[in-house]
Amino acid sequence: MTMTICDPWVERHIAAGRLSPGARGLTREAAATQYNECNGLVRSDEDHLYTPGQAATIARELLGDIGVEIAEGSRILLTDMTGGARCWSYLVEPSQLAFACEQHRLVTGENINAEAIEGALPWA
């Protein structure tokens, strides 16, 4: 007997109609990559699909570019209050992320949609 363990992130996107039921056998990263490639989405698109891990990695890099250093093991959470280090996590205001994306665009010319990253990060 074969047992398939369902990933809640994949299941949530299947229920929302973003991913097909065939994504159940894929990793989060593979499902997001397949979705983005099939729909011709790039990081500047609002519908670009990030996994929480991918969003945290990109957020950490973008925020590092504007001087907000986040430790590698810290979990990045969005907040509508004051941001900063809190125990095992780092609270980030959406405006900080939007500013970091804008600065990245001004420096590199690459547009990264802050809302797509925000959609993948959990709130505190």
Protein backbone atom coordinates (compact mmCIF):
# COMPACT_ATOMS: atom_id res chain seq x y z
CA MET A 1 0.00 0.00 0.00
CA THR A 2 1.32 3.43 -0.94
CA MET A 3 0.55 6.40 1.24
CA THR A 4 0.80 9.94 -0.06
CA ILE A 5 1.36 12.70 2.46
CA CYS A 6 -0.32 15.89 1.35
CA ASP A 7 1.44 19.20 1.80
CA PRO A 8 -0.97 21.80 3.23
CA TRP A 9 0.58 24.55 1.07
CA VAL A 10 0.01 22.50 -2.10
CA GLU A 11 -3.51 21.58 -0.98
CA ARG A 12 -4.39 25.23 -0.30
CA HIS A 13 -3.32 26.21 -3.83
CA ILE A 14 -5.17 23.25 -5.36
CA ALA A 15 -8.33 24.34 -3.52
CA ALA A 16 -7.84 27.92 -4.77
CA GLY A 17 -7.55 26.65 -8.35
CA ARG A 18 -3.95 27.74 -8.86
CA LEU A 19 -2.52 24.22 -8.96
CA SER A 20 -3.97 21.07 -10.47
CA PRO A 21 -4.55 17.94 -8.37
CA GLY A 22 -1.49 16.47 -10.08
CA ALA A 23 0.66 18.80 -7.98
CA ARG A 24 0.09 16.53 -4.97
CA GLY A 25 3.11 14.46 -5.94
CA LEU A 26 5.42 17.47 -6.32
CA THR A 27 7.48 19.42 -3.83
CA ARG A 28 6.41 22.97 -3.08
CA GLU A 29 9.25 24.35 -5.14
CA ALA A 30 8.52 22.09 -8.11
CA ALA A 31 4.80 22.95 -8.02
CA ALA A 32 5.52 26.70 -7.87
CA THR A 33 8.08 26.46 -10.67
CA GLN A 34 5.69 24.50 -12.87
CA TYR A 35 2.86 26.97 -12.21
CA ASN A 36 5.05 29.99 -13.00
CA GLU A 37 6.52 28.44 -16.16
CA CYS A 38 3.16 27.21 -17.49
CA ASN A 39 1.64 30.65 -17.02
CA GLY A 40 4.69 32.53 -18.29
CA LEU A 41 5.06 34.38 -14.99
CA VAL A 42 8.19 36.22 -13.92
CA ARG A 43 9.06 37.79 -10.55
CA SER A 44 7.52 41.12 -11.56
CA ASP A 45 4.08 39.55 -12.10
CA GLU A 46 1.45 39.86 -9.39
CA ASP A 47 0.37 36.23 -9.82
CA HIS A 48 3.91 34.86 -9.51
CA LEU A 49 3.75 31.99 -7.03
CA TYR A 50 6.35 31.77 -4.26
CA THR A 51 6.66 29.09 -1.64
CA PRO A 52 7.06 30.42 1.90
CA GLY A 53 10.72 29.38 1.82
CA GLN A 54 11.38 31.11 -1.48
CA ALA A 55 9.61 34.26 -0.28
CA ALA A 56 11.65 34.33 2.92
CA THR A 57 14.93 33.91 1.02
CA ILE A 58 14.11 36.71 -1.40
CA ALA A 59 12.82 38.97 1.39
CA ARG A 60 16.02 38.37 3.39
CA GLU A 61 18.15 39.33 0.37
CA LEU A 62 16.07 42.40 -0.52
CA LEU A 63 15.96 43.67 3.05
CA GLY A 64 19.70 43.06 3.41
CA ASP A 65 20.24 45.40 0.46
CA ILE A 66 18.63 48.26 2.41
CA GLY A 67 20.50 47.53 5.63
CA VAL A 68 17.99 45.31 7.43
CA GLU A 69 20.06 42.29 8.39
CA ILE A 70 18.07 39.16 9.25
CA ALA A 71 19.83 36.12 10.68
CA GLU A 72 19.73 33.05 8.43
CA GLY A 73 17.79 30.90 10.90
CA SER A 74 15.18 33.53 11.71
CA ARG A 75 11.64 33.07 10.46
CA ILE A 76 10.34 36.13 8.62
CA LEU A 77 6.84 37.22 9.61
CA LEU A 78 4.81 40.18 8.38
CA THR A 79 3.40 42.59 10.92
CA ASP A 80 1.33 45.75 11.02
CA MET A 81 3.13 46.84 14.18
CA THR A 82 6.77 47.70 14.84
CA GLY A 83 9.17 45.38 13.04
CA GLY A 84 12.42 43.91 14.30
CA ALA A 85 13.91 40.81 15.87
CA ARG A 86 11.57 38.87 18.15
CA CYS A 87 12.90 35.65 19.69
CA TRP A 88 13.25 33.14 16.83
CA SER A 89 11.64 35.37 14.21
CA TYR A 90 12.01 38.74 12.54
CA LEU A 91 8.96 40.94 12.06
CA VAL A 92 8.84 42.88 8.80
CA GLU A 93 6.37 45.59 7.89
CA PRO A 94 4.95 45.29 4.35
CA SER A 95 6.11 48.86 3.67
CA GLN A 96 9.70 47.79 4.40
CA LEU A 97 9.37 45.00 1.85
CA ALA A 98 7.83 47.34 -0.73
CA PHE A 99 10.65 49.85 -0.17
CA ALA A 100 13.27 47.10 -0.54
CA CYS A 101 11.68 45.98 -3.83
CA GLU A 102 11.65 49.57 -5.11
CA GLN A 103 15.31 50.07 -4.18
CA HIS A 104 16.18 46.79 -5.90
CA ARG A 105 14.40 48.02 -9.03
CA LEU A 106 16.23 51.34 -8.97
CA VAL A 107 19.63 49.69 -8.56
CA THR A 108 19.30 46.62 -10.81
CA GLY A 109 16.40 47.44 -13.11
CA GLU A 110 14.70 44.17 -12.13
CA ASN A 111 11.15 44.59 -10.90
CA ILE A 112 10.08 42.23 -8.11
CA ASN A 113 6.45 42.35 -7.03
CA ALA A 114 6.33 42.93 -3.27
CA GLU A 115 2.68 41.81 -3.09
CA ALA A 116 3.55 38.37 -4.45
CA ILE A 117 6.18 37.95 -1.73
CA GLU A 118 3.80 39.26 0.92
CA GLY A 119 1.21 36.73 -0.18
CA ALA A 120 3.59 33.87 0.61
CA LEU A 121 4.87 35.12 3.97
CA PRO A 122 2.94 34.43 7.17
CA TRP A 123 1.62 37.23 9.40
CA ALA A 124 2.52 37.53 13.06
